[in-house]
């Protein structure tokens, strides 16, 4: 395939891979095909629809490695679904009666883009899939090659999404400071809410990283500085049923012995029950353009905190969310290696004229490849039978709840 110009956009929520992925794509094209022009659409699909873009100059190419030092996305994000006509019209992204897919396609043609790289999670890549299908059905001679960004690590059939390792590490570091509040008040309950709408991988892995780090620290039990008080005492994820009364009975013993309890929960844990409770009370649950309940409005951490606080007779409840802290970090070394590997494959696929989302394909022996768009879907559940998760639960004395099948 003859490629003369590529476009790059980032979309959806932030993850510790966006800046790095942009940097590596620019670097790789400069290394092997410096004649190819590169533009970046600002604010995701919003910028594509409005034709708002930045040119990647020689100075940017020469200094692309600077992007490895930063989190966030220098070119900006937005949540736009190209098949949601009403939302696009309401936000002024298209004129009444226009098809956002057609507007996006025409903008790509106007900008003479041969390859569009989308960096985002399941919503971004399913939107990219809609765009890719539209382009193919209407004989537009350009392809879409995506990279899987999501700290939830919940994209079918991708083994590991970009940014998730870093988010877990950052969440663990965040909690290492928060947990010092454990003795700021008698009978303290600390709730650490971790991002993960329908997948508990990040919550479980954050707990694992935190406990691994805790095992390396020194303590002074004679003065009350005990590892047991700083440990994780409960972990709750969407894929695992929770018997709150049984857990409260177990955690009450911890509270009586340690004078505090620390729990980790996924922001999607118990989500259906909470929404049902809100709607039964006549409350409207706000939703985004993709139809997802806005989790800040649902507030699972507060709900779990209030449930356990009563049952544990906690004197004070501290609810802390590490999401915005962890998702905006720069990539760690583990993610950096994965991002470079995937970005390089994305460039290879683009130059070969192969569209799809680049990742290690779990259905094809974890081969790194451009996975066909129709096979990409969000909502991949965390496998709570992973050996490392079993070890974490055993280490904190928690019995695994029944496995909950998560639909997608």
Protein backbone atom coordinates (compact mmCIF):
# COMPACT_ATOMS: atom_id res chain seq x y z
CA UNK A 1 0.00 0.00 0.00
CA UNK A 2 1.27 3.47 -0.88
CA UNK A 3 1.11 5.65 2.25
CA UNK A 4 1.84 9.35 1.96
CA UNK A 5 0.07 10.74 5.01
CA UNK A 6 -1.14 9.27 8.29
CA UNK A 7 -3.44 10.70 10.94
CA UNK A 8 -3.34 9.99 14.67
CA UNK A 9 -6.04 10.56 17.27
CA UNK A 10 -6.56 9.59 20.92
CA UNK A 11 -10.02 9.18 22.40
CA UNK A 12 -11.97 8.11 25.46
CA UNK A 13 -10.61 8.40 28.99
CA UNK A 14 -6.94 8.87 29.71
CA UNK A 15 -4.49 6.01 30.23
CA UNK A 16 -0.73 5.93 30.90
CA UNK A 17 0.08 5.11 27.30
CA UNK A 18 -1.41 7.82 25.11
CA UNK A 19 1.51 10.22 25.08
CA UNK A 20 3.99 7.36 24.73
CA UNK A 21 2.05 5.69 21.91
CA UNK A 22 1.90 8.96 19.95
CA UNK A 23 5.63 9.41 20.49
CA UNK A 24 6.49 5.90 19.34
CA UNK A 25 4.30 6.07 16.23
CA UNK A 26 6.01 9.32 15.22
CA UNK A 27 9.44 7.83 15.96
CA UNK A 28 8.79 4.63 14.04
CA UNK A 29 7.50 6.35 10.92
CA UNK A 30 10.49 8.69 11.06
CA UNK A 31 12.86 5.73 11.36
CA UNK A 32 11.58 3.67 8.46
CA UNK A 33 9.55 6.03 6.26
CA UNK A 34 10.49 9.64 7.05
CA UNK A 35 8.86 10.86 3.85
CA UNK A 36 5.38 10.03 5.20
CA UNK A 37 3.60 13.09 6.55
CA UNK A 38 1.87 12.88 9.94
CA UNK A 39 -1.02 14.91 11.33
CA UNK A 40 -2.74 14.62 14.71
CA UNK A 41 -6.43 15.35 15.16
CA UNK A 42 -7.08 17.26 18.38
CA UNK A 43 -9.64 16.08 20.94
CA UNK A 44 -10.23 12.70 19.35
CA UNK A 45 -13.16 12.15 16.99
CA UNK A 46 -14.36 15.67 17.78
CA UNK A 47 -11.28 17.08 16.04
CA UNK A 48 -11.74 14.69 13.13
CA UNK A 49 -15.34 15.82 12.60
CA UNK A 50 -14.40 19.49 12.83
CA UNK A 51 -11.15 19.20 10.89
CA UNK A 52 -9.05 20.42 13.83
CA UNK A 53 -5.51 19.09 13.56
CA UNK A 54 -1.82 19.65 14.19
CA UNK A 55 1.02 19.05 11.74
CA UNK A 56 3.90 16.91 13.01
CA UNK A 57 6.93 19.04 12.15
CA UNK A 58 10.57 18.01 11.92
CA UNK A 59 11.15 19.50 15.37
CA UNK A 60 8.39 17.28 16.80
CA UNK A 61 9.90 14.25 15.05
CA UNK A 62 13.35 15.03 16.45
CA UNK A 63 11.99 15.35 19.99
CA UNK A 64 9.23 12.73 19.98
CA UNK A 65 10.93 10.86 22.85
CA UNK A 66 9.94 13.75 25.14
CA UNK A 67 6.43 12.33 25.03
CA UNK A 68 7.65 9.27 26.96
CA UNK A 69 8.16 11.49 29.99
CA UNK A 70 4.54 12.61 30.18
CA UNK A 71 1.11 11.24 30.94
CA UNK A 72 -2.19 12.33 29.46
CA UNK A 73 -2.53 13.06 25.77
CA UNK A 74 -0.86 16.15 24.30
CA UNK A 75 -3.37 16.20 21.43
CA UNK A 76 -6.46 15.86 23.64
CA UNK A 77 -9.32 13.40 24.01
CA UNK A 78 -13.11 13.35 23.83
CA UNK A 79 -15.92 10.79 24.02
CA UNK A 80 -17.70 10.82 20.67
CA UNK A 81 -19.63 7.95 19.10
CA UNK A 82 -19.86 8.45 15.35
CA UNK A 83 -23.04 6.39 15.10
CA UNK A 84 -24.82 8.49 17.74
CA UNK A 85 -26.26 11.10 15.39
CA UNK A 86 -28.36 12.87 18.02
CA UNK A 87 -25.39 13.38 20.34
CA UNK A 88 -23.13 14.61 17.53
CA UNK A 89 -25.80 17.09 16.42
CA UNK A 90 -26.45 18.27 19.98
CA UNK A 91 -22.76 18.97 20.49
CA UNK A 92 -22.46 20.87 17.23
CA UNK A 93 -20.07 18.36 15.68
CA UNK A 94 -22.23 17.86 12.59
CA UNK A 95 -25.03 19.78 10.93
CA UNK A 96 -28.62 18.49 11.24
CA UNK A 97 -29.16 15.58 8.89
CA UNK A 98 -25.48 14.86 8.35
CA UNK A 99 -24.08 11.38 8.93
CA UNK A 100 -21.07 11.68 11.28
CA UNK A 101 -19.41 8.69 9.59
CA UNK A 102 -19.67 10.44 6.23
CA UNK A 103 -18.38 13.72 7.71
CA UNK A 104 -15.39 11.90 9.23
CA UNK A 105 -14.68 10.05 6.00
CA UNK A 106 -14.85 13.22 3.92
CA UNK A 107 -12.52 15.01 6.34
CA UNK A 108 -9.98 12.21 5.99
CA UNK A 109 -10.22 12.50 2.22
CA UNK A 110 -9.89 16.29 2.38
CA UNK A 111 -6.79 15.89 4.55
CA UNK A 112 -5.41 13.24 2.14
CA UNK A 113 -5.00 10.72 4.96
CA UNK A 114 -4.17 7.16 3.87
CA UNK A 115 -3.99 5.61 7.35
CA UNK A 116 -5.75 6.68 10.55
CA UNK A 117 -4.27 5.47 13.84
CA UNK A 118 -6.78 5.46 16.68
CA UNK A 119 -5.49 5.04 20.24
CA UNK A 120 -8.24 4.20 22.68
CA UNK A 121 -10.28 1.66 24.58
CA UNK A 122 -13.20 -0.48 23.54
CA UNK A 123 -15.51 2.46 22.76
CA UNK A 124 -12.80 4.18 20.71
CA UNK A 125 -12.00 1.04 18.78
CA UNK A 126 -15.61 -0.03 18.23
CA UNK A 127 -16.16 3.49 16.86
CA UNK A 128 -13.04 2.97 14.73
CA UNK A 129 -14.58 -0.30 13.58
CA UNK A 130 -17.76 1.55 12.53
CA UNK A 131 -15.63 4.04 10.63
CA UNK A 132 -13.49 1.33 9.01
CA UNK A 133 -16.63 -0.54 7.88
CA UNK A 134 -18.11 2.64 6.46
CA UNK A 135 -14.91 3.41 4.57
CA UNK A 136 -14.79 -0.10 3.11
CA UNK A 137 -18.49 -0.13 2.18
CA UNK A 138 -18.17 3.20 0.40
CA UNK A 139 -14.90 2.51 -1.44
CA UNK A 140 -12.75 4.98 0.46
CA UNK A 141 -9.13 3.97 -0.09
CA UNK A 142 -7.81 4.35 3.44
CA UNK A 143 -7.49 2.09 6.47
CA UNK A 144 -7.79 2.36 10.24
CA UNK A 145 -5.19 0.80 12.55
CA UNK A 146 -5.97 1.03 16.26
CA UNK A 147 -3.98 0.59 19.47
CA UNK A 148 -5.77 -0.78 22.59
CA UNK A 149 -5.69 1.77 25.38
CA UNK A 150 -7.56 0.98 28.58
CA UNK A 151 -6.46 0.64 32.17
CA UNK A 152 -9.39 -1.75 32.68
CA UNK A 153 -7.62 -4.37 30.52
CA UNK A 154 -11.00 -5.53 29.25
CA UNK A 155 -10.82 -5.71 25.45
CA UNK A 156 -11.62 -8.97 23.63
CA UNK A 157 -9.47 -10.75 22.42
CA UNK A 158 -6.45 -8.69 23.52
CA UNK A 159 -4.22 -10.22 26.19
CA UNK A 160 -2.90 -6.97 27.68
CA UNK A 161 -4.13 -3.45 27.01
CA UNK A 162 -1.71 -0.55 26.94
CA UNK A 163 -1.47 1.48 30.15
CA UNK A 164 -2.91 -1.10 32.55
CA UNK A 165 0.41 -2.13 34.13
CA UNK A 166 1.26 1.50 34.90
CA UNK A 167 -2.18 2.25 36.31
CA UNK A 168 -1.85 -0.65 38.75
CA UNK A 169 1.58 0.51 39.87
CA UNK A 170 0.37 4.09 40.31
CA UNK A 171 -2.74 2.97 42.18
CA UNK A 172 -0.56 0.96 44.56
CA UNK A 173 1.65 3.96 45.23
CA UNK A 174 -1.41 6.13 45.77
CA UNK A 175 -2.80 3.74 48.36
CA UNK A 176 0.58 3.51 50.10
CA UNK A 177 0.04 7.11 51.21
CA UNK A 178 -3.70 6.91 51.79
CA UNK A 179 -3.36 3.89 54.09
CA UNK A 180 -1.25 5.95 56.50
CA UNK A 181 -4.60 7.45 57.56
CA UNK A 182 -5.48 4.10 59.15
CA UNK A 183 -4.65 5.31 62.67
CA UNK A 184 -5.88 8.88 62.29
CA UNK A 185 -9.08 7.74 63.99
CA UNK A 186 -10.19 4.67 65.99
CA UNK A 187 -12.07 1.98 64.05
CA UNK A 188 -11.19 3.42 60.67
CA UNK A 189 -12.58 1.99 57.44
CA UNK A 190 -10.61 2.90 54.31
CA UNK A 191 -12.21 2.21 50.94
CA UNK A 192 -9.93 2.35 47.89
CA UNK A 193 -12.08 2.60 44.76
CA UNK A 194 -10.20 1.53 41.64
CA UNK A 195 -11.32 2.11 38.05
CA UNK A 196 -12.91 -0.82 36.20
CA UNK A 197 -16.52 -0.55 35.04
CA UNK A 198 -17.04 -4.21 34.17
CA UNK A 199 -13.62 -5.74 34.73
CA UNK A 200 -11.85 -6.26 38.04
CA UNK A 201 -8.34 -6.87 36.65
CA UNK A 202 -7.04 -3.44 37.64
CA UNK A 203 -8.40 -3.72 41.18
CA UNK A 204 -6.89 -7.17 41.67
CA UNK A 205 -3.55 -6.29 40.11
CA UNK A 206 -3.30 -3.02 42.03
CA UNK A 207 -3.80 -4.98 45.24
CA UNK A 208 -1.13 -7.45 44.14
CA UNK A 209 1.41 -4.71 43.36
CA UNK A 210 0.62 -2.94 46.64
CA UNK A 211 1.08 -6.11 48.69
CA UNK A 212 4.30 -6.98 46.85
CA UNK A 213 5.64 -3.53 47.73
CA UNK A 214 4.41 -3.82 51.32
CA UNK A 215 6.33 -7.07 51.77
CA UNK A 216 9.57 -5.20 51.10
CA UNK A 217 9.06 -2.59 53.85
CA UNK A 218 10.26 -2.58 57.45
CA UNK A 219 7.94 -2.37 60.47
CA UNK A 220 8.08 -1.63 64.20
CA UNK A 221 5.29 -3.65 65.86
CA UNK A 222 6.27 -2.60 69.39
CA UNK A 223 5.25 0.96 68.53
CA UNK A 224 2.12 -0.05 66.61
CA UNK A 225 3.67 0.00 63.16
CA UNK A 226 2.39 -3.38 62.01
CA UNK A 227 2.21 -4.83 58.54
CA UNK A 228 -1.23 -6.25 59.33
CA UNK A 229 -2.69 -2.77 59.77
CA UNK A 230 -1.35 -1.59 56.42
CA UNK A 231 -2.41 -4.67 54.48
CA UNK A 232 -5.40 -5.09 52.18
CA UNK A 233 -8.24 -6.83 54.03
CA UNK A 234 -10.88 -7.23 51.31
CA UNK A 235 -11.07 -7.11 47.49
CA UNK A 236 -14.34 -6.82 45.57
CA UNK A 237 -14.62 -7.02 41.78
CA UNK A 238 -17.60 -7.27 39.36
CA UNK A 239 -16.79 -10.88 38.44
CA UNK A 240 -17.08 -12.16 41.99
CA UNK A 241 -20.25 -12.33 44.05
CA UNK A 242 -20.08 -10.62 47.43
CA UNK A 243 -21.90 -11.79 50.53
CA UNK A 244 -21.67 -8.53 52.42
CA UNK A 245 -22.91 -9.95 55.72
CA UNK A 246 -20.43 -12.84 55.62
CA UNK A 247 -17.62 -10.49 54.66
CA UNK A 248 -18.63 -8.08 57.41
CA UNK A 249 -18.41 -10.90 59.96
CA UNK A 250 -14.87 -11.70 58.76
CA UNK A 251 -13.81 -8.08 58.63
CA UNK A 252 -15.29 -7.32 62.06
CA UNK A 253 -12.61 -9.56 63.55
CA UNK A 254 -9.96 -7.59 61.65
CA UNK A 255 -11.44 -4.32 62.89
CA UNK A 256 -11.46 -5.55 66.51
CA UNK A 257 -7.85 -6.77 66.27
CA UNK A 258 -6.27 -4.04 64.15
CA UNK A 259 -8.59 -1.07 64.80
CA UNK A 260 -8.89 -0.52 61.05
CA UNK A 261 -10.00 -2.23 57.83
CA UNK A 262 -8.74 -1.50 54.29
CA UNK A 263 -10.72 -2.66 51.28
CA UNK A 264 -10.21 -2.40 47.50
CA UNK A 265 -13.26 -2.27 45.22
CA UNK A 266 -13.72 -1.92 41.48
CA UNK A 267 -15.87 1.04 40.52
CA UNK A 268 -18.16 -1.40 38.72
CA UNK A 269 -18.57 -3.78 41.66
CA UNK A 270 -22.23 -3.99 42.65
CA UNK A 271 -23.09 -1.51 39.90
CA UNK A 272 -26.38 -3.11 38.85
CA UNK A 273 -27.61 -3.29 42.44
CA UNK A 274 -26.73 0.34 43.08
CA UNK A 275 -28.41 1.57 39.88
CA UNK A 276 -31.53 -0.45 40.67
CA UNK A 277 -31.60 1.05 44.15
CA UNK A 278 -31.24 4.60 42.76
CA UNK A 279 -33.94 4.13 40.12
CA UNK A 280 -36.31 2.56 42.65
CA UNK A 281 -35.87 5.71 44.70
CA UNK A 282 -36.86 7.80 41.69
CA UNK A 283 -33.37 9.05 40.92
CA UNK A 284 -32.29 9.48 37.31
CA UNK A 285 -28.96 7.82 36.47
CA UNK A 286 -26.92 10.07 34.11
CA UNK A 287 -25.41 8.27 31.09
CA UNK A 288 -22.75 9.12 28.51
CA UNK A 289 -22.96 9.05 24.69
CA UNK A 290 -22.31 5.29 24.73
CA UNK A 291 -25.15 4.61 27.17
CA UNK A 292 -22.89 3.87 30.13
CA UNK A 293 -23.99 5.02 33.57
CA UNK A 294 -21.73 7.84 34.75
CA UNK A 295 -19.88 6.25 37.64
CA UNK A 296 -19.21 9.52 39.47
CA UNK A 297 -22.97 9.86 39.83
CA UNK A 298 -23.46 6.24 40.92
CA UNK A 299 -20.50 6.36 43.35
CA UNK A 300 -19.94 2.65 44.21
CA UNK A 301 -17.22 3.49 46.74
CA UNK A 302 -19.65 5.51 48.83
CA UNK A 303 -22.26 2.75 48.60
CA UNK A 304 -19.87 0.01 49.73
CA UNK A 305 -18.49 2.30 52.42
CA UNK A 306 -21.91 2.95 53.89
CA UNK A 307 -22.84 -0.76 53.81
CA UNK A 308 -19.67 -1.92 55.57
CA UNK A 309 -19.49 1.04 57.96
CA UNK A 310 -22.73 0.03 59.66
CA UNK A 311 -21.84 -3.64 59.88
CA UNK A 312 -18.29 -3.02 61.14
CA UNK A 313 -19.31 -0.28 63.56
CA UNK A 314 -16.69 1.99 61.99
CA UNK A 315 -16.22 5.37 63.63
CA UNK A 316 -14.93 6.96 60.45
CA UNK A 317 -15.00 6.04 56.77
CA UNK A 318 -12.41 7.33 54.30
CA UNK A 319 -13.25 6.78 50.62
CA UNK A 320 -10.46 7.48 48.15
CA UNK A 321 -10.40 7.02 44.36
CA UNK A 322 -7.07 6.50 42.64
CA UNK A 323 -8.46 6.61 39.09
CA UNK A 324 -7.55 10.10 37.95
CA UNK A 325 -4.18 9.86 39.68
CA UNK A 326 -3.27 6.55 38.08
CA UNK A 327 -4.72 7.00 34.60
CA UNK A 328 -2.84 10.24 33.89
CA UNK A 329 0.65 8.93 34.70
CA UNK A 330 3.53 8.49 32.29
CA UNK A 331 4.15 4.91 31.15
CA UNK A 332 6.29 2.70 33.38
CA UNK A 333 9.02 0.47 31.93
CA UNK A 334 6.72 -2.56 31.56
CA UNK A 335 4.15 -0.58 29.59
CA UNK A 336 6.81 1.25 27.61
CA UNK A 337 8.13 -2.05 26.24
CA UNK A 338 4.61 -3.21 25.36
CA UNK A 339 3.69 0.11 23.74
CA UNK A 340 6.80 0.16 21.57
CA UNK A 341 6.17 -3.41 20.46
CA UNK A 342 2.53 -2.69 19.56
CA UNK A 343 3.22 0.70 17.94
CA UNK A 344 5.90 -0.80 15.73
CA UNK A 345 3.51 -3.56 14.66
CA UNK A 346 0.84 -0.90 13.98
CA UNK A 347 3.19 0.90 11.59
CA UNK A 348 4.09 -2.39 9.94
CA UNK A 349 0.40 -3.23 9.48
CA UNK A 350 -0.35 0.25 8.13
CA UNK A 351 2.37 0.06 5.51
CA UNK A 352 1.11 -3.38 4.52
CA UNK A 353 -2.45 -2.10 4.17
CA UNK A 354 -3.81 -4.23 7.02
CA UNK A 355 -6.45 -2.63 9.25
CA UNK A 356 -7.48 -3.71 12.74
CA UNK A 357 -6.50 -3.23 16.39
CA UNK A 358 -2.95 -4.26 17.26
CA UNK A 359 -2.47 -6.51 20.25
CA UNK A 360 -1.58 -10.02 21.39
CA UNK A 361 -4.46 -12.12 20.08
CA UNK A 362 -5.60 -14.55 22.79
CA UNK A 363 -7.52 -16.58 20.22
CA UNK A 364 -4.39 -17.08 18.10
CA UNK A 365 -1.77 -18.17 20.63
CA UNK A 366 -1.11 -14.59 21.78
CA UNK A 367 0.33 -13.63 18.39
CA UNK A 368 0.98 -9.90 18.05
CA UNK A 369 -1.09 -8.83 15.06
CA UNK A 370 -3.68 -6.41 13.70
CA UNK A 371 -6.84 -8.05 15.02
CA UNK A 372 -9.88 -7.76 12.80
CA UNK A 373 -12.27 -5.01 13.91
CA UNK A 374 -15.40 -7.22 14.05
CA UNK A 375 -13.65 -9.33 16.71
CA UNK A 376 -12.94 -6.36 18.98
CA UNK A 377 -15.34 -5.91 21.89
CA UNK A 378 -15.25 -4.37 25.34
CA UNK A 379 -16.36 -5.89 28.60
CA UNK A 380 -13.88 -8.77 28.74
CA UNK A 381 -14.15 -10.07 32.30
CA UNK A 382 -11.24 -10.56 34.65
CA UNK A 383 -10.44 -14.23 35.15
CA UNK A 384 -10.66 -14.50 38.93
CA UNK A 385 -9.12 -17.97 38.70
CA UNK A 386 -5.72 -16.50 37.79
CA UNK A 387 -3.08 -18.05 40.07
CA UNK A 388 -1.72 -14.67 41.18
CA UNK A 389 -5.21 -13.55 42.25
CA UNK A 390 -5.73 -16.77 44.20
CA UNK A 391 -2.48 -16.01 46.01
CA UNK A 392 -3.59 -12.48 46.86
CA UNK A 393 -6.95 -13.64 48.27
CA UNK A 394 -5.28 -16.44 50.24
CA UNK A 395 -2.80 -13.94 51.64
CA UNK A 396 -5.55 -11.74 53.06
CA UNK A 397 -7.73 -14.61 54.28
CA UNK A 398 -10.61 -13.93 51.89
CA UNK A 399 -12.68 -16.73 50.40
CA UNK A 400 -13.37 -16.30 46.70
CA UNK A 401 -17.01 -15.57 46.00
CA UNK A 402 -18.96 -17.38 43.32
CA UNK A 403 -17.89 -16.51 39.80
CA UNK A 404 -20.21 -14.06 38.07
CA UNK A 405 -20.50 -14.35 34.30
CA UNK A 406 -20.13 -10.90 32.77
CA UNK A 407 -22.00 -10.42 29.50
CA UNK A 408 -20.50 -8.47 26.65
